[in-house]
Structure formats: C-alpha cells, structure tokens
Protein backbone atom coordinates (compact mmCIF):
# COMPACT_ATOMS: atom_id res chain seq x y z
CA MET A 1 15.49 11.28 8.28
CA SER A 2 16.83 8.75 10.77
CA TYR A 3 18.83 5.82 9.55
CA VAL A 4 18.62 2.26 10.60
CA THR A 5 21.96 0.30 11.02
CA VAL A 6 22.16 -3.42 10.29
CA ASP A 7 23.33 -4.08 13.84
CA GLY A 8 20.52 -2.08 15.34
CA LEU A 9 17.97 -3.83 13.15
CA CYS A 10 19.19 -7.35 14.09
CA SER A 11 19.16 -6.41 17.83
CA ILE A 12 15.47 -5.18 17.62
CA ILE A 13 14.28 -8.26 15.79
CA LYS A 14 16.14 -10.58 18.15
CA GLN A 15 14.99 -8.86 21.29
CA ASN A 16 11.45 -7.79 20.39
CA GLY A 17 10.11 -10.34 22.76
CA GLU A 18 12.39 -9.23 25.56
CA VAL A 19 12.15 -5.41 25.75
CA GLY A 20 8.48 -5.08 26.64
CA LEU A 21 7.27 -4.23 23.10
CA VAL A 22 3.45 -4.58 22.73
CA MET A 23 2.83 -7.00 19.89
CA LEU A 24 -0.47 -7.16 18.10
CA ASP A 25 -2.36 -10.36 18.41
CA LEU A 26 -3.14 -10.81 14.78
CA LYS A 27 -3.62 -14.56 14.99
CA GLY A 28 -2.08 -14.68 11.45
CA LYS A 29 0.67 -13.33 9.21
CA LEU A 30 1.07 -9.83 7.84
CA SER A 31 2.32 -9.36 4.26
CA VAL A 32 3.44 -5.86 3.34
CA VAL A 33 3.56 -5.27 -0.51
CA MET A 34 6.05 -2.51 -1.50
CA PRO A 35 6.04 -1.63 -5.26
CA ALA A 36 9.31 -0.07 -6.47
CA TYR A 37 10.25 1.60 -9.75
CA ASN A 38 13.69 3.19 -9.99
CA GLU A 39 14.26 3.59 -6.30
CA GLU A 40 17.98 2.69 -5.91
CA LYS A 41 18.67 5.73 -3.71
CA LEU A 42 16.01 4.90 -1.16
CA ILE A 43 15.05 1.28 -1.29
CA TYR A 44 17.79 -0.39 0.74
CA GLN A 45 17.45 1.94 3.74
CA ASN A 46 13.68 1.99 3.46
CA ILE A 47 13.44 -1.79 3.49
CA LEU A 48 15.55 -1.90 6.68
CA GLU A 49 13.45 0.77 8.25
CA THR A 50 10.24 -0.99 7.29
CA VAL A 51 11.38 -4.24 8.87
CA GLU A 52 12.46 -2.61 11.99
CA THR A 53 9.15 -0.79 12.32
CA LEU A 54 7.04 -3.88 11.78
CA SER A 55 9.15 -5.85 14.15
CA ARG A 56 8.11 -3.59 16.92
CA PHE A 57 4.44 -4.65 16.83
CA VAL A 58 4.07 -7.68 14.57
CA SER A 59 5.70 -11.04 15.25
CA ASP A 60 5.07 -12.83 11.98
CA PHE A 61 5.37 -10.77 8.75
CA GLU A 62 6.90 -10.61 5.33
CA VAL A 63 7.83 -7.70 3.04
CA ILE A 64 7.27 -8.34 -0.60
CA VAL A 65 9.15 -5.83 -2.80
CA VAL A 66 7.81 -5.72 -6.30
CA ASN A 67 10.43 -4.47 -8.74
CA ASP A 68 8.38 -2.94 -11.55
CA GLY A 69 10.89 -3.03 -14.34
CA SER A 70 13.35 -0.64 -12.83
CA LYS A 71 16.13 0.67 -15.00
CA ASP A 72 18.53 1.30 -12.27
CA ARG A 73 20.03 -0.80 -9.36
CA THR A 74 16.71 -1.23 -7.46
CA LYS A 75 16.75 -4.90 -7.89
CA ALA A 76 20.31 -5.25 -6.58
CA GLU A 77 19.60 -3.03 -3.62
CA VAL A 78 16.61 -5.17 -2.69
CA GLN A 79 18.77 -8.32 -2.91
CA ARG A 80 21.30 -6.61 -0.66
CA ALA A 81 18.56 -6.00 1.85
CA MET A 82 17.39 -9.63 1.54
CA LYS A 83 20.83 -10.79 2.96
CA VAL A 84 20.19 -8.86 6.10
CA CYS A 85 16.34 -9.37 6.52
CA PRO A 86 15.04 -12.89 5.91
CA GLN A 87 11.48 -11.44 6.03
CA VAL A 88 12.12 -9.64 2.70
CA ARG A 89 11.10 -11.34 -0.65
CA LEU A 90 11.73 -10.02 -4.20
CA SER A 91 9.30 -10.22 -6.99
CA GLY A 92 8.61 -8.25 -10.08
CA SER A 93 9.27 -8.11 -13.85
CA ASP A 94 11.94 -6.82 -16.14
CA LYS A 95 9.25 -4.61 -17.87
CA ASN A 96 7.45 -1.71 -16.33
CA HIS A 97 3.69 -2.53 -16.05
CA GLY A 98 2.54 0.26 -13.59
CA LYS A 99 2.00 0.58 -9.88
CA GLY A 100 -1.35 -1.24 -9.92
CA ALA A 101 0.09 -4.25 -11.77
CA ALA A 102 3.03 -4.32 -9.27
CA ILE A 103 0.64 -4.20 -6.31
CA LEU A 104 -1.54 -6.96 -7.60
CA LEU A 105 1.50 -9.18 -8.41
CA GLY A 106 2.49 -8.75 -4.74
CA VAL A 107 -1.05 -9.70 -3.49
CA THR A 108 -1.09 -12.83 -5.57
CA GLU A 109 2.22 -13.89 -3.97
CA ALA A 110 1.34 -12.77 -0.47
CA LYS A 111 1.17 -15.61 2.22
CA GLY A 112 -0.41 -13.44 4.93
CA ASP A 113 -3.88 -13.29 6.48
CA PHE A 114 -3.53 -9.45 6.40
CA ILE A 115 -2.05 -7.64 3.33
CA ALA A 116 -0.87 -4.04 3.49
CA PHE A 117 0.37 -1.66 0.85
CA VAL A 118 3.38 0.64 1.60
CA ASP A 119 5.04 2.91 -0.97
CA ALA A 120 8.82 2.50 -1.33
CA ASP A 121 9.59 6.17 -0.57
CA LEU A 122 8.03 5.79 2.91
CA GLU A 123 6.11 9.12 2.50
CA LEU A 124 3.48 7.17 4.32
CA HIS A 125 5.50 5.63 7.16
CA PRO A 126 4.81 2.04 7.92
CA ARG A 127 4.54 2.77 11.73
CA GLN A 128 0.95 3.82 10.97
CA LEU A 129 0.03 0.25 10.13
CA GLU A 130 -0.11 -0.50 13.83
CA LYS A 131 -2.97 1.80 14.29
CA TYR A 132 -4.66 0.50 11.15
CA LEU A 133 -4.38 -3.11 12.19
CA SER A 134 -5.55 -2.42 15.71
CA HIS A 135 -8.62 -0.61 14.28
CA MET A 136 -9.31 -3.56 12.07
CA LEU A 137 -9.16 -5.98 14.91
CA ASP A 138 -11.32 -3.85 17.14
CA THR A 139 -14.02 -3.20 14.55
CA GLY A 140 -13.94 -6.32 12.49
CA CYS A 141 -13.86 -4.35 9.28
CA ASP A 142 -12.28 -5.90 6.20
CA ILE A 143 -10.29 -2.84 4.89
CA VAL A 144 -8.64 0.07 6.48
CA ILE A 145 -7.31 2.93 4.26
CA GLY A 146 -5.50 6.15 4.96
CA SER A 147 -7.21 9.37 4.05
CA LYS A 148 -5.53 12.60 3.35
CA LEU A 149 -8.91 14.35 3.51
CA ASP A 150 -9.44 13.37 7.10
CA PRO A 151 -9.33 16.64 9.20
CA GLU A 152 -6.98 14.88 11.67
CA SER A 153 -4.47 14.03 8.89
CA GLU A 154 -1.00 15.64 9.05
CA LEU A 155 0.15 16.61 5.57
CA GLU A 156 3.41 17.82 4.23
CA TYR A 157 3.07 17.65 0.47
CA PRO A 158 2.74 20.06 -2.40
CA PHE A 159 -0.45 22.18 -2.85
CA VAL A 160 -0.99 21.03 -6.41
CA ARG A 161 -1.17 17.39 -5.22
CA ARG A 162 -3.73 18.39 -2.63
CA VAL A 163 -5.98 20.03 -5.25
CA ILE A 164 -5.61 17.06 -7.58
CA SER A 165 -6.52 14.69 -4.72
CA TYR A 166 -9.60 16.76 -3.74
CA CYS A 167 -10.91 17.09 -7.30
CA TYR A 168 -10.53 13.35 -7.83
CA TYR A 169 -12.28 12.66 -4.63
CA ILE A 170 -15.29 14.73 -5.75
CA MET A 171 -15.39 12.70 -8.98
CA LEU A 172 -15.21 9.29 -7.30
CA ASN A 173 -17.65 10.09 -4.56
CA THR A 174 -20.20 10.94 -7.22
CA MET A 175 -19.53 7.90 -9.32
CA PHE A 176 -18.96 5.14 -6.90
CA HIS A 177 -20.52 6.00 -3.52
CA LEU A 178 -18.01 4.13 -1.39
CA HIS A 179 -18.60 6.33 1.59
CA VAL A 180 -14.84 7.05 2.09
CA ARG A 181 -13.31 10.38 1.53
CA ASP A 182 -10.02 9.36 -0.03
CA THR A 183 -9.29 6.11 -2.09
CA GLN A 184 -5.89 7.05 -3.52
CA THR A 185 -3.69 7.27 -0.46
CA GLY A 186 -1.03 4.45 -0.76
CA LEU A 187 -1.31 3.12 2.75
CA LYS A 188 -3.93 0.40 3.01
CA VAL A 189 -4.66 -2.86 4.96
CA PHE A 190 -6.89 -5.65 3.79
CA ARG A 191 -7.90 -8.94 5.16
CA ALA A 192 -6.65 -11.46 2.65
CA SER A 193 -10.14 -12.95 2.58
CA ALA A 194 -11.38 -9.75 1.16
CA ILE A 195 -8.75 -8.95 -1.41
CA LYS A 196 -7.69 -12.36 -2.76
CA PRO A 197 -11.00 -13.30 -4.35
CA VAL A 198 -11.09 -10.13 -6.46
CA ALA A 199 -7.46 -9.58 -7.32
CA HIS A 200 -7.83 -11.38 -10.64
CA LEU A 201 -10.62 -9.09 -11.64
CA ILE A 202 -8.56 -5.86 -11.55
CA ARG A 203 -7.78 -4.58 -15.01
CA THR A 204 -6.34 -1.17 -14.23
CA SER A 205 -2.44 -1.13 -13.97
CA GLY A 206 -1.99 2.64 -13.34
CA PHE A 207 -2.94 5.04 -10.61
CA ALA A 208 -6.70 4.28 -10.78
CA TYR A 209 -6.12 0.79 -9.54
CA ASP A 210 -7.13 1.80 -6.04
CA ILE A 211 -10.60 2.73 -6.88
CA GLU A 212 -11.07 -0.47 -8.97
CA LEU A 213 -9.86 -2.65 -6.25
CA LEU A 214 -11.83 -0.95 -3.41
CA THR A 215 -14.97 -1.01 -5.61
CA ALA A 216 -14.53 -4.72 -6.42
CA CYS A 217 -14.10 -5.51 -2.66
CA SER A 218 -17.08 -3.37 -1.81
CA ARG A 219 -19.32 -5.06 -4.45
CA ARG A 220 -18.43 -8.40 -2.77
CA GLY A 221 -19.60 -7.14 0.58
CA ALA A 222 -16.29 -6.06 2.20
CA THR A 223 -16.54 -3.18 4.72
CA ILE A 224 -14.14 -0.29 4.27
CA GLU A 225 -13.12 2.25 6.91
CA SER A 226 -10.63 5.16 6.71
CA LEU A 227 -8.29 6.73 9.28
CA PRO A 228 -6.11 9.83 9.35
CA VAL A 229 -2.74 9.56 7.76
CA GLN A 230 0.65 11.30 8.17
CA VAL A 231 2.20 12.24 4.88
CA VAL A 232 5.86 13.50 4.63
CA TYR A 233 6.86 14.57 1.14
CA VAL A 234 10.22 13.28 0.35
CA ARG A 235 10.52 13.53 -3.41
CA ASP A 236 12.94 15.99 -5.13
CA SER A 237 10.88 16.13 -8.24
CA ARG A 238 7.36 15.63 -9.36
CA ARG A 239 6.41 12.00 -10.09
CA ILE A 240 2.88 12.60 -11.27
CA HIS A 241 2.37 14.20 -14.67
CA PHE A 242 -0.62 15.38 -16.74
CA SER A 243 -0.42 12.19 -18.78
CA ASP A 244 -0.78 10.19 -15.48
CA CYS A 245 -3.94 12.28 -14.54
CA TRP A 246 -5.44 11.85 -18.06
CA ARG A 247 -4.87 8.06 -17.98
CA ALA A 248 -6.48 7.85 -14.46
CA PHE A 249 -9.44 9.82 -15.69
CA LYS A 250 -9.98 7.39 -18.57
CA ASP A 251 -9.36 4.36 -16.50
CA THR A 252 -11.96 5.54 -13.89
CA TRP A 253 -14.64 5.80 -16.59
CA ALA A 254 -13.79 2.36 -17.70
CA ILE A 255 -14.17 1.10 -14.14
CA PHE A 256 -17.59 2.90 -13.96
CA ASN A 257 -18.67 1.05 -17.06
CA ARG A 258 -17.61 -2.28 -15.69
CA VAL A 259 -19.44 -1.59 -12.41
CA TYR A 260 -22.79 -0.25 -13.52
CA VAL A 261 -23.22 -1.54 -17.10
CA LYS A 262 -21.42 -4.86 -17.12
CA HIS A 263 -21.79 -5.66 -13.42
CA TYR A 264 -18.29 -7.23 -13.85
CA TYR A 265 -17.37 -7.31 -10.14
CA ASP A 266 -20.61 -8.84 -8.79
CA GLU A 267 -20.76 -12.36 -7.69
CA HIS A 268 -22.75 -14.46 -10.05
C-alpha cells in the first residue's frame, strides 16, 4: 500500500489547478460519506488518501466520516485528520447503530449535489469515483453503483464472500427486479435529488440497507446503472459472520413486505 504524506497532500491540493489535472465539471459539490467502526489502524491514512484522490478530479468536495460508536481511537484519528484536511467533517454517535444507520446519518448531513459512499478500509478505492461520476454526467442517470458480478470487475477477496454475494444476488433479483447484478458493493454515487427525498424512509440499519435504499429510489423513479469495480481485500480477519447474514436475510424479507404489501416507498 502506498502512503500519503501530509506535505504531499497539501501540495496536491494547492497545485491541482496548476499541474494539468483534468477536473470533472460537476457544477456542484461532491459529498463522500465514509462510515467507520473501530478503524483506528486505518482511518487516518485512508482519510488522507481519499482527500488526495478526490483532489485530483473534483474541485469542490467534502468527506463526512461517520464514527459509528467505535470503541477504539477512531474518533481521535478522524479529528487528527481534520487538522490537516479542511474538507473532512466528523459525524456519528457514541453507540453502534450499524453501517446502514451510519450511512444515512451521513446522507442527511451531506451538503453536496452528488453523494458517494466509500468504505473506510478502502477495499473499494475512491479513485473509481471519477469513472462513476463521469458515467453519471454522460448518461444522466441518477445512481451509479459498483458491481462485483460484472465480468470486467477485478476482484481480490475471499471465495466465501464471492459465494455469499452471488447467492444474495439471486435472491434479490428474484424479489425486487432492479435490473442490476449487485446491490451490495459499498461504492455508490447518487444525485442528492434522488437520495435525499427517501433517506427518511429507510428502516434497515444493517447490511441490507443497500437494497432498501436502492429499491426506495427506484420506486420514486430514479434510474440506476452499474459499472465494474476493483476490489482489493485488506482485512486480516473476517468481518461478516453468520449472524450478519441471518439478519440481512430477515431484513430483506421485511423490505419485500414494505415494497409489495404496504407500498411504503411509493409516492402518495
């Protein structure tokens, strides 16, 4: 892994208009939401790397790090990064509420016209957001998501996680008909106009929040497209356990009930 120095980061941010970098013409601000739980070993360096990366193709952005009740020094490390990077904001809670709840908190506080999700471990590197945003601008779609099941995706992560992802895809495709092959990859970009109106409707705080959020947006008319993704596995231990899978299964059926029985996400 390459490391970003503070001096190097400040130089890139200062000179990005002078060194010939091609900046995207977003005509608006980009908000990147980064949920974090017990990430003290990674978070400081990964925040700096995220800011450096974004500075190469976006002129106006913010990074909202949502500390989801971490028990370690995650909050202190984020505050340390804030002293270096004025684009970084800290949000969160002293209690752990789950990744979905952390993401949605970041969404409610985002000031951007475009809102992206990036995992704190950077298994899905934020450099890919340049391609996703370009695709959004070119096509006019409302949401662009990464897909591990795209044949052009480059994957370096455990076989067991691949099997879980594929089985869940089969289940979701049967139930929700979103016409995308993978809803669970953490890298996503939304137009704020598509996600802000439905954020308050999301009831799932765990791993199934993705499918609820995308379904809610789709029911309100948002267009969703997917692109290949590069995944580099960086964890030393498994973070997803059987209890997580079981909870996601139950949450998914609850979402199905809200979609097709209660019509909960439809505009009335």
